[in-house]
Amino acid sequence: IELSVNGAVKQTGDLADMIWSVPEVVANLSQYYHLQPG
């Protein structure tokens, strides 16, 4: 995952660096909301 401003790299990382993974985020948020398409 990377971002540049005017061609200069400012952010670079890896999705594996997320503290909470995609499944963990969805599961955690679903404890508080009825998540729906949209």
PDB file of all heavy atoms in Angstrom:
ATOM      1  N   ILE A   1       0.875  -1.166   0.000  1.00  0.00           N
ATOM      2  CA  ILE A   1       0.000   0.000   0.000  1.00  0.00           C
ATOM      3  C   ILE A   1       0.913   1.218   0.000  1.00  0.00           C
ATOM      4  O   ILE A   1       1.824   1.315   0.824  1.00  0.00           O
ATOM      5  CB  ILE A   1      -0.984  -0.010   1.195  1.00  0.00           C
ATOM      6  CG1 ILE A   1      -1.840   1.266   1.219  1.00  0.00           C
ATOM      7  CG2 ILE A   1      -0.277  -0.227   2.521  1.00  0.00           C
ATOM      8  CD1 ILE A   1      -2.980   1.217   2.231  1.00  0.00           C
ATOM      9  N   GLU A   2       0.695   2.140  -0.948  1.00  0.00           N
ATOM     10  CA  GLU A   2       1.660   3.228  -1.158  1.00  0.00           C
ATOM     11  C   GLU A   2       0.954   4.488  -1.625  1.00  0.00           C
ATOM     12  O   GLU A   2      -0.052   4.423  -2.342  1.00  0.00           O
ATOM     13  CB  GLU A   2       2.690   2.793  -2.208  1.00  0.00           C
ATOM     14  CG  GLU A   2       3.809   3.771  -2.461  1.00  0.00           C
ATOM     15  CD  GLU A   2       4.814   3.217  -3.451  1.00  0.00           C
ATOM     16  OE1 GLU A   2       4.563   3.307  -4.672  1.00  0.00           O
ATOM     17  OE2 GLU A   2       5.842   2.655  -3.007  1.00  0.00           O
ATOM     18  N   LEU A   3       1.475   5.637  -1.226  1.00  0.00           N
ATOM     19  CA  LEU A   3       0.943   6.929  -1.653  1.00  0.00           C
ATOM     20  C   LEU A   3       2.099   7.866  -1.980  1.00  0.00           C
ATOM     21  O   LEU A   3       3.122   7.883  -1.293  1.00  0.00           O
ATOM     22  CB  LEU A   3       0.066   7.537  -0.558  1.00  0.00           C
ATOM     23  CG  LEU A   3      -0.528   8.925  -0.865  1.00  0.00           C
ATOM     24  CD1 LEU A   3      -1.954   9.034  -0.334  1.00  0.00           C
ATOM     25  CD2 LEU A   3       0.329  10.049  -0.272  1.00  0.00           C
ATOM     26  N   SER A   4       1.902   8.668  -3.043  1.00  0.00           N
ATOM     27  CA  SER A   4       2.881   9.671  -3.452  1.00  0.00           C
ATOM     28  C   SER A   4       2.192  11.019  -3.602  1.00  0.00           C
ATOM     29  O   SER A   4       0.997  11.099  -3.918  1.00  0.00           O
ATOM     30  CB  SER A   4       3.526   9.290  -4.785  1.00  0.00           C
ATOM     31  OG  SER A   4       4.217   8.057  -4.690  1.00  0.00           O
ATOM     32  N   VAL A   5       2.953  12.070  -3.380  1.00  0.00           N
ATOM     33  CA  VAL A   5       2.497  13.434  -3.616  1.00  0.00           C
ATOM     34  C   VAL A   5       3.457  14.071  -4.618  1.00  0.00           C
ATOM     35  O   VAL A   5       4.664  14.137  -4.357  1.00  0.00           O
ATOM     36  CB  VAL A   5       2.442  14.257  -2.317  1.00  0.00           C
ATOM     37  CG1 VAL A   5       1.997  15.695  -2.610  1.00  0.00           C
ATOM     38  CG2 VAL A   5       1.490  13.617  -1.313  1.00  0.00           C
ATOM     39  N   ASN A   6       2.913  14.488  -5.748  1.00  0.00           N
ATOM     40  CA  ASN A   6       3.721  15.073  -6.822  1.00  0.00           C
ATOM     41  C   ASN A   6       4.888  14.166  -7.205  1.00  0.00           C
ATOM     42  O   ASN A   6       5.996  14.621  -7.499  1.00  0.00           O
ATOM     43  CB  ASN A   6       4.236  16.457  -6.405  1.00  0.00           C
ATOM     44  CG  ASN A   6       3.107  17.410  -6.068  1.00  0.00           C
ATOM     45  OD1 ASN A   6       2.034  17.354  -6.662  1.00  0.00           O
ATOM     46  ND2 ASN A   6       3.326  18.272  -5.089  1.00  0.00           N
ATOM     47  N   GLY A   7       4.628  12.845  -7.210  1.00  0.00           N
ATOM     48  CA  GLY A   7       5.616  11.873  -7.626  1.00  0.00           C
ATOM     49  C   GLY A   7       6.566  11.399  -6.553  1.00  0.00           C
ATOM     50  O   GLY A   7       7.346  10.460  -6.783  1.00  0.00           O
ATOM     51  N   ALA A   8       6.554  12.011  -5.378  1.00  0.00           N
ATOM     52  CA  ALA A   8       7.444  11.610  -4.284  1.00  0.00           C
ATOM     53  C   ALA A   8       6.688  10.702  -3.320  1.00  0.00           C
ATOM     54  O   ALA A   8       5.613  11.063  -2.824  1.00  0.00           O
ATOM     55  CB  ALA A   8       7.960  12.839  -3.539  1.00  0.00           C
ATOM     56  N   VAL A   9       7.233   9.523  -3.052  1.00  0.00           N
ATOM     57  CA  VAL A   9       6.580   8.562  -2.154  1.00  0.00           C
ATOM     58  C   VAL A   9       6.558   9.109  -0.729  1.00  0.00           C
ATOM     59  O   VAL A   9       7.597   9.494  -0.183  1.00  0.00           O
ATOM     60  CB  VAL A   9       7.294   7.204  -2.199  1.00  0.00           C
ATOM     61  CG1 VAL A   9       6.672   6.241  -1.179  1.00  0.00           C
ATOM     62  CG2 VAL A   9       7.211   6.598  -3.594  1.00  0.00           C
ATOM     63  N   LYS A  10       5.371   9.129  -0.139  1.00  0.00           N
ATOM     64  CA  LYS A  10       5.196   9.622   1.231  1.00  0.00           C
ATOM     65  C   LYS A  10       4.769   8.523   2.198  1.00  0.00           C
ATOM     66  O   LYS A  10       5.111   8.559   3.382  1.00  0.00           O
ATOM     67  CB  LYS A  10       4.150  10.742   1.249  1.00  0.00           C
ATOM     68  CG  LYS A  10       4.496  11.945   0.392  1.00  0.00           C
ATOM     69  CD  LYS A  10       5.714  12.674   0.932  1.00  0.00           C
ATOM     70  CE  LYS A  10       5.981  13.956   0.154  1.00  0.00           C
ATOM     71  NZ  LYS A  10       7.158  14.685   0.693  1.00  0.00           N
ATOM     72  N   GLN A  11       3.972   7.581   1.722  1.00  0.00           N
ATOM     73  CA  GLN A  11       3.520   6.470   2.548  1.00  0.00           C
ATOM     74  C   GLN A  11       3.830   5.165   1.839  1.00  0.00           C
ATOM     75  O   GLN A  11       3.556   5.034   0.636  1.00  0.00           O
ATOM     76  CB  GLN A  11       2.007   6.532   2.800  1.00  0.00           C
ATOM     77  CG  GLN A  11       1.542   7.636   3.716  1.00  0.00           C
ATOM     78  CD  GLN A  11       0.046   7.513   3.991  1.00  0.00           C
ATOM     79  OE1 GLN A  11      -0.768   7.919   3.176  1.00  0.00           O
ATOM     80  NE2 GLN A  11      -0.318   6.946   5.140  1.00  0.00           N
ATOM     81  N   THR A  12       4.362   4.212   2.540  1.00  0.00           N
ATOM     82  CA  THR A  12       4.548   2.871   1.991  1.00  0.00           C
ATOM     83  C   THR A  12       4.445   1.873   3.137  1.00  0.00           C
ATOM     84  O   THR A  12       4.975   2.096   4.229  1.00  0.00           O
ATOM     85  CB  THR A  12       5.894   2.736   1.251  1.00  0.00           C
ATOM     86  OG1 THR A  12       5.973   1.441   0.645  1.00  0.00           O
ATOM     87  CG2 THR A  12       7.073   2.950   2.172  1.00  0.00           C
ATOM     88  N   GLY A  13       3.718   0.811   2.902  1.00  0.00           N
ATOM     89  CA  GLY A  13       3.510  -0.193   3.927  1.00  0.00           C
ATOM     90  C   GLY A  13       2.995  -1.465   3.302  1.00  0.00           C
ATOM     91  O   GLY A  13       2.999  -1.627   2.068  1.00  0.00           O
ATOM     92  N   ASP A  14       2.543  -2.365   4.133  1.00  0.00           N
ATOM     93  CA  ASP A  14       2.002  -3.642   3.679  1.00  0.00           C
ATOM     94  C   ASP A  14       0.704  -3.904   4.429  1.00  0.00           C
ATOM     95  O   ASP A  14       0.607  -3.611   5.635  1.00  0.00           O
ATOM     96  CB  ASP A  14       3.000  -4.775   3.944  1.00  0.00           C
ATOM     97  CG  ASP A  14       2.652  -6.035   3.172  1.00  0.00           C
ATOM     98  OD1 ASP A  14       1.664  -6.709   3.535  1.00  0.00           O
ATOM     99  OD2 ASP A  14       3.367  -6.345   2.209  1.00  0.00           O
ATOM    100  N   LEU A  15      -0.289  -4.442   3.724  1.00  0.00           N
ATOM    101  CA  LEU A  15      -1.557  -4.744   4.387  1.00  0.00           C
ATOM    102  C   LEU A  15      -1.367  -5.715   5.549  1.00  0.00           C
ATOM    103  O   LEU A  15      -2.168  -5.724   6.486  1.00  0.00           O
ATOM    104  CB  LEU A  15      -2.560  -5.318   3.380  1.00  0.00           C
ATOM    105  CG  LEU A  15      -2.959  -4.399   2.216  1.00  0.00           C
ATOM    106  CD1 LEU A  15      -3.930  -5.128   1.290  1.00  0.00           C
ATOM    107  CD2 LEU A  15      -3.550  -3.090   2.714  1.00  0.00           C
ATOM    108  N   ALA A  16      -0.291  -6.505   5.490  1.00  0.00           N
ATOM    109  CA  ALA A  16      -0.005  -7.415   6.598  1.00  0.00           C
ATOM    110  C   ALA A  16       0.364  -6.668   7.875  1.00  0.00           C
ATOM    111  O   ALA A  16       0.353  -7.255   8.960  1.00  0.00           O
ATOM    112  CB  ALA A  16       1.123  -8.361   6.209  1.00  0.00           C
ATOM    113  N   ASP A  17       0.671  -5.364   7.752  1.00  0.00           N
ATOM    114  CA  ASP A  17       1.033  -4.564   8.924  1.00  0.00           C
ATOM    115  C   ASP A  17      -0.187  -4.081   9.707  1.00  0.00           C
ATOM    116  O   ASP A  17      -0.022  -3.469  10.774  1.00  0.00           O
ATOM    117  CB  ASP A  17       1.854  -3.338   8.501  1.00  0.00           C
ATOM    118  CG  ASP A  17       3.174  -3.720   7.854  1.00  0.00           C
ATOM    119  OD1 ASP A  17       3.688  -4.819   8.144  1.00  0.00           O
ATOM    120  OD2 ASP A  17       3.688  -2.913   7.052  1.00  0.00           O
ATOM    121  N   MET A  18      -1.381  -4.308   9.182  1.00  0.00           N
ATOM    122  CA  MET A  18      -2.567  -3.867   9.914  1.00  0.00           C
ATOM    123  C   MET A  18      -2.651  -4.577  11.259  1.00  0.00           C
ATOM    124  O   MET A  18      -2.463  -5.795  11.343  1.00  0.00           O
ATOM    125  CB  MET A  18      -3.840  -4.123   9.101  1.00  0.00           C
ATOM    126  CG  MET A  18      -4.015  -3.190   7.921  1.00  0.00           C
ATOM    127  SD  MET A  18      -5.707  -3.142   7.257  1.00  0.00           S
ATOM    128  CE  MET A  18      -5.869  -4.791   6.619  1.00  0.00           C
ATOM    129  N   ILE A  19      -2.940  -3.813  12.312  1.00  0.00           N
ATOM    130  CA  ILE A  19      -3.096  -4.398  13.644  1.00  0.00           C
ATOM    131  C   ILE A  19      -4.293  -5.345  13.641  1.00  0.00           C
ATOM    132  O   ILE A  19      -4.239  -6.444  14.187  1.00  0.00           O
ATOM    133  CB  ILE A  19      -3.268  -3.286  14.692  1.00  0.00           C
ATOM    134  CG1 ILE A  19      -2.010  -2.397  14.740  1.00  0.00           C
ATOM    135  CG2 ILE A  19      -3.554  -3.892  16.068  1.00  0.00           C
ATOM    136  CD1 ILE A  19      -2.178  -1.137  15.570  1.00  0.00           C
ATOM    137  N   TRP A  20      -5.378  -4.903  13.018  1.00  0.00           N
ATOM    138  CA  TRP A  20      -6.593  -5.702  12.892  1.00  0.00           C
ATOM    139  C   TRP A  20      -6.802  -6.012  11.413  1.00  0.00           C
ATOM    140  O   TRP A  20      -6.926  -5.106  10.594  1.00  0.00           O
ATOM    141  CB  TRP A  20      -7.795  -4.957  13.480  1.00  0.00           C
ATOM    142  CG  TRP A  20      -7.658  -4.767  14.956  1.00  0.00           C
ATOM    143  CD1 TRP A  20      -7.065  -3.721  15.606  1.00  0.00           C
ATOM    144  CD2 TRP A  20      -8.068  -5.684  15.968  1.00  0.00           C
ATOM    145  NE1 TRP A  20      -7.088  -3.922  16.961  1.00  0.00           N
ATOM    146  CE2 TRP A  20      -7.700  -5.121  17.217  1.00  0.00           C
ATOM    147  CE3 TRP A  20      -8.700  -6.919  15.959  1.00  0.00           C
ATOM    148  CZ2 TRP A  20      -7.960  -5.756  18.436  1.00  0.00           C
ATOM    149  CZ3 TRP A  20      -8.965  -7.547  17.173  1.00  0.00           C
ATOM    150  CH2 TRP A  20      -8.593  -6.968  18.385  1.00  0.00           C
ATOM    151  N   SER A  21      -6.850  -7.301  11.064  1.00  0.00           N
ATOM    152  CA  SER A  21      -7.001  -7.737   9.678  1.00  0.00           C
ATOM    153  C   SER A  21      -8.412  -7.444   9.167  1.00  0.00           C
ATOM    154  O   SER A  21      -9.317  -7.102   9.939  1.00  0.00           O
ATOM    155  CB  SER A  21      -6.723  -9.232   9.569  1.00  0.00           C
ATOM    156  OG  SER A  21      -7.746  -9.976  10.233  1.00  0.00           O
ATOM    157  N   VAL A  22      -8.597  -7.643   7.869  1.00  0.00           N
ATOM    158  CA  VAL A  22      -9.926  -7.433   7.276  1.00  0.00           C
ATOM    159  C   VAL A  22     -10.991  -8.266   7.986  1.00  0.00           C
ATOM    160  O   VAL A  22     -12.022  -7.722   8.416  1.00  0.00           O
ATOM    161  CB  VAL A  22      -9.899  -7.718   5.761  1.00  0.00           C
ATOM    162  CG1 VAL A  22     -11.322  -7.808   5.202  1.00  0.00           C
ATOM    163  CG2 VAL A  22      -9.103  -6.641   5.030  1.00  0.00           C
ATOM    164  N   PRO A  23     -10.827  -9.582   8.138  1.00  0.00           N
ATOM    165  CA  PRO A  23     -11.875 -10.349   8.831  1.00  0.00           C
ATOM    166  C   PRO A  23     -12.099  -9.896  10.270  1.00  0.00           C
ATOM    167  O   PRO A  23     -13.245  -9.881  10.752  1.00  0.00           O
ATOM    168  CB  PRO A  23     -11.357 -11.795   8.786  1.00  0.00           C
ATOM    169  CG  PRO A  23     -10.412 -11.828   7.644  1.00  0.00           C
ATOM    170  CD  PRO A  23      -9.770 -10.477   7.612  1.00  0.00           C
ATOM    171  N   GLU A  24     -11.024  -9.513  10.955  1.00  0.00           N
ATOM    172  CA  GLU A  24     -11.166  -9.072  12.347  1.00  0.00           C
ATOM    173  C   GLU A  24     -11.910  -7.745  12.443  1.00  0.00           C
ATOM    174  O   GLU A  24     -12.729  -7.548  13.353  1.00  0.00           O
ATOM    175  CB  GLU A  24      -9.792  -8.963  13.001  1.00  0.00           C
ATOM    176  CG  GLU A  24      -9.137 -10.311  13.256  1.00  0.00           C
ATOM    177  CD  GLU A  24      -7.706 -10.185  13.730  1.00  0.00           C
ATOM    178  OE1 GLU A  24      -7.014  -9.218  13.348  1.00  0.00           O
ATOM    179  OE2 GLU A  24      -7.268 -11.067  14.490  1.00  0.00           O
ATOM    180  N   VAL A  25     -11.651  -6.830  11.509  1.00  0.00           N
ATOM    181  CA  VAL A  25     -12.366  -5.550  11.504  1.00  0.00           C
ATOM    182  C   VAL A  25     -13.851  -5.771  11.269  1.00  0.00           C
ATOM    183  O   VAL A  25     -14.710  -5.231  11.987  1.00  0.00           O
ATOM    184  CB  VAL A  25     -11.776  -4.604  10.441  1.00  0.00           C
ATOM    185  CG1 VAL A  25     -12.714  -3.423  10.186  1.00  0.00           C
ATOM    186  CG2 VAL A  25     -10.406  -4.095  10.870  1.00  0.00           C
ATOM    187  N   VAL A  26     -14.185  -6.569  10.251  1.00  0.00           N
ATOM    188  CA  VAL A  26     -15.603  -6.825   9.946  1.00  0.00           C
ATOM    189  C   VAL A  26     -16.281  -7.504  11.133  1.00  0.00           C
ATOM    190  O   VAL A  26     -17.390  -7.117  11.536  1.00  0.00           O
ATOM    191  CB  VAL A  26     -15.730  -7.677   8.670  1.00  0.00           C
ATOM    192  CG1 VAL A  26     -17.190  -8.096   8.450  1.00  0.00           C
ATOM    193  CG2 VAL A  26     -15.218  -6.906   7.454  1.00  0.00           C
ATOM    194  N   ALA A  27     -15.620  -8.505  11.710  1.00  0.00           N
ATOM    195  CA  ALA A  27     -16.214  -9.220  12.835  1.00  0.00           C
ATOM    196  C   ALA A  27     -16.425  -8.300  14.031  1.00  0.00           C
ATOM    197  O   ALA A  27     -17.483  -8.324  14.674  1.00  0.00           O
ATOM    198  CB  ALA A  27     -15.323 -10.401  13.228  1.00  0.00           C
ATOM    199  N   ASN A  28     -15.421  -7.455  14.324  1.00  0.00           N
ATOM    200  CA  ASN A  28     -15.549  -6.562  15.473  1.00  0.00           C
ATOM    201  C   ASN A  28     -16.662  -5.544  15.261  1.00  0.00           C
ATOM    202  O   ASN A  28     -17.493  -5.318  16.155  1.00  0.00           O
ATOM    203  CB  ASN A  28     -14.222  -5.854  15.733  1.00  0.00           C
ATOM    204  CG  ASN A  28     -14.301  -4.896  16.899  1.00  0.00           C
ATOM    205  OD1 ASN A  28     -14.535  -3.701  16.727  1.00  0.00           O
ATOM    206  ND2 ASN A  28     -14.130  -5.404  18.118  1.00  0.00           N
ATOM    207  N   LEU A  29     -16.710  -4.921  14.091  1.00  0.00           N
ATOM    208  CA  LEU A  29     -17.740  -3.914  13.833  1.00  0.00           C
ATOM    209  C   LEU A  29     -19.133  -4.531  13.870  1.00  0.00           C
ATOM    210  O   LEU A  29     -20.099  -3.882  14.293  1.00  0.00           O
ATOM    211  CB  LEU A  29     -17.465  -3.238  12.489  1.00  0.00           C
ATOM    212  CG  LEU A  29     -18.230  -1.959  12.167  1.00  0.00           C
ATOM    213  CD1 LEU A  29     -18.025  -0.886  13.227  1.00  0.00           C
ATOM    214  CD2 LEU A  29     -17.818  -1.439  10.793  1.00  0.00           C
ATOM    215  N   SER A  30     -19.215  -5.801  13.464  1.00  0.00           N
ATOM    216  CA  SER A  30     -20.523  -6.466  13.450  1.00  0.00           C
ATOM    217  C   SER A  30     -21.047  -6.769  14.848  1.00  0.00           C
ATOM    218  O   SER A  30     -22.215  -7.157  15.003  1.00  0.00           O
ATOM    219  CB  SER A  30     -20.444  -7.770  12.642  1.00  0.00           C
ATOM    220  OG  SER A  30     -19.864  -8.825  13.402  1.00  0.00           O
ATOM    221  N   GLN A  31     -20.230  -6.595  15.865  1.00  0.00           N
ATOM    222  CA  GLN A  31     -20.716  -6.754  17.242  1.00  0.00           C
ATOM    223  C   GLN A  31     -21.561  -5.555  17.668  1.00  0.00           C
ATOM    224  O   GLN A  31     -22.304  -5.634  18.664  1.00  0.00           O
ATOM    225  CB  GLN A  31     -19.553  -6.929  18.216  1.00  0.00           C
ATOM    226  CG  GLN A  31     -18.567  -8.032  17.846  1.00  0.00           C
ATOM    227  CD  GLN A  31     -19.230  -9.379  17.623  1.00  0.00           C
ATOM    228  OE1 GLN A  31     -19.970  -9.877  18.478  1.00  0.00           O
ATOM    229  NE2 GLN A  31     -18.958  -9.976  16.464  1.00  0.00           N
ATOM    230  N   TYR A  32     -21.459  -4.454  16.933  1.00  0.00           N
ATOM    231  CA  TYR A  32     -22.120  -3.198  17.313  1.00  0.00           C
ATOM    232  C   TYR A  32     -23.138  -2.711  16.288  1.00  0.00           C
ATOM    233  O   TYR A  32     -23.960  -1.844  16.593  1.00  0.00           O
ATOM    234  CB  TYR A  32     -21.065  -2.112  17.523  1.00  0.00           C
ATOM    235  CG  TYR A  32     -20.038  -2.482  18.553  1.00  0.00           C
ATOM    236  CD1 TYR A  32     -18.838  -3.085  18.184  1.00  0.00           C
ATOM    237  CD2 TYR A  32     -20.266  -2.264  19.909  1.00  0.00           C
ATOM    238  CE1 TYR A  32     -17.888  -3.448  19.133  1.00  0.00           C
ATOM    239  CE2 TYR A  32     -19.331  -2.620  20.870  1.00  0.00           C
ATOM    240  CZ  TYR A  32     -18.144  -3.218  20.466  1.00  0.00           C
ATOM    241  OH  TYR A  32     -17.217  -3.583  21.417  1.00  0.00           O
ATOM    242  N   TYR A  33     -23.059  -3.223  15.068  1.00  0.00           N
ATOM    243  CA  TYR A  33     -23.949  -2.796  13.988  1.00  0.00           C
ATOM    244  C   TYR A  33     -24.432  -4.011  13.201  1.00  0.00           C
ATOM    245  O   TYR A  33     -23.702  -5.001  13.074  1.00  0.00           O
ATOM    246  CB  TYR A  33     -23.222  -1.868  12.999  1.00  0.00           C
ATOM    247  CG  TYR A  33     -22.838  -0.522  13.563  1.00  0.00           C
ATOM    248  CD1 TYR A  33     -21.600  -0.347  14.173  1.00  0.00           C
ATOM    249  CD2 TYR A  33     -23.692   0.580  13.466  1.00  0.00           C
ATOM    250  CE1 TYR A  33     -21.228   0.885  14.689  1.00  0.00           C
ATOM    251  CE2 TYR A  33     -23.322   1.810  13.969  1.00  0.00           C
ATOM    252  CZ  TYR A  33     -22.088   1.960  14.585  1.00  0.00           C
ATOM    253  OH  TYR A  33     -21.727   3.173  15.092  1.00  0.00           O
ATOM    254  N   HIS A  34     -25.637  -3.892  12.656  1.00  0.00           N
ATOM    255  CA  HIS A  34     -26.107  -4.856  11.665  1.00  0.00           C
ATOM    256  C   HIS A  34     -25.533  -4.407  10.312  1.00  0.00           C
ATOM    257  O   HIS A  34     -26.133  -3.579   9.620  1.00  0.00           O
ATOM    258  CB  HIS A  34     -27.634  -4.890  11.612  1.00  0.00           C
ATOM    259  CG  HIS A  34     -28.281  -5.469  12.830  1.00  0.00           C
ATOM    260  ND1 HIS A  34     -28.400  -4.773  14.017  1.00  0.00           N
ATOM    261  CD2 HIS A  34     -28.838  -6.698  13.048  1.00  0.00           C
ATOM    262  CE1 HIS A  34     -29.018  -5.528  14.907  1.00  0.00           C
ATOM    263  NE2 HIS A  34     -29.291  -6.698  14.360  1.00  0.00           N
ATOM    264  N   LEU A  35     -24.353  -4.909   9.966  1.00  0.00           N
ATOM    265  CA  LEU A  35     -23.740  -4.518   8.702  1.00  0.00           C
ATOM    266  C   LEU A  35     -24.563  -5.060   7.542  1.00  0.00           C
ATOM    267  O   LEU A  35     -25.103  -6.174   7.600  1.00  0.00           O
ATOM    268  CB  LEU A  35     -22.303  -5.031   8.621  1.00  0.00           C
ATOM    269  CG  LEU A  35     -21.343  -4.491   9.691  1.00  0.00           C
ATOM    270  CD1 LEU A  35     -19.968  -5.105   9.513  1.00  0.00           C
ATOM    271  CD2 LEU A  35     -21.264  -2.970   9.637  1.00  0.00           C
ATOM    272  N   GLN A  36     -24.628  -4.259   6.467  1.00  0.00           N
ATOM    273  CA  GLN A  36     -25.463  -4.584   5.325  1.00  0.00           C
ATOM    274  C   GLN A  36     -24.737  -4.237   4.029  1.00  0.00           C
ATOM    275  O   GLN A  36     -23.815  -3.407   4.024  1.00  0.00           O
ATOM    276  CB  GLN A  36     -26.774  -3.775   5.386  1.00  0.00           C
ATOM    277  CG  GLN A  36     -27.626  -3.994   6.603  1.00  0.00           C
ATOM    278  CD  GLN A  36     -28.327  -5.337   6.589  1.00  0.00           C
ATOM    279  OE1 GLN A  36     -28.508  -5.949   5.534  1.00  0.00           O
ATOM    280  NE2 GLN A  36     -28.738  -5.808   7.771  1.00  0.00           N
ATOM    281  N   PRO A  37     -25.135  -4.839   2.909  1.00  0.00           N
ATOM    282  CA  PRO A  37     -24.623  -4.364   1.623  1.00  0.00           C
ATOM    283  C   PRO A  37     -24.861  -2.854   1.508  1.00  0.00           C
ATOM    284  O   PRO A  37     -25.945  -2.367   1.839  1.00  0.00           O
ATOM    285  CB  PRO A  37     -25.458  -5.147   0.604  1.00  0.00           C
ATOM    286  CG  PRO A  37     -25.839  -6.405   1.322  1.00  0.00           C
ATOM    287  CD  PRO A  37     -26.057  -5.986   2.751  1.00  0.00           C
ATOM    288  N   GLY A  38     -23.854  -2.146   1.067  1.00  0.00           N
ATOM    289  CA  GLY A  38     -23.914  -0.691   1.040  1.00  0.00           C
ATOM    290  C   GLY A  38     -23.034  -0.045   2.089  1.00  0.00           C
ATOM    291  O   GLY A  38     -22.821   1.169   2.064  1.00  0.00           O
TER     292      GLY A  38
END
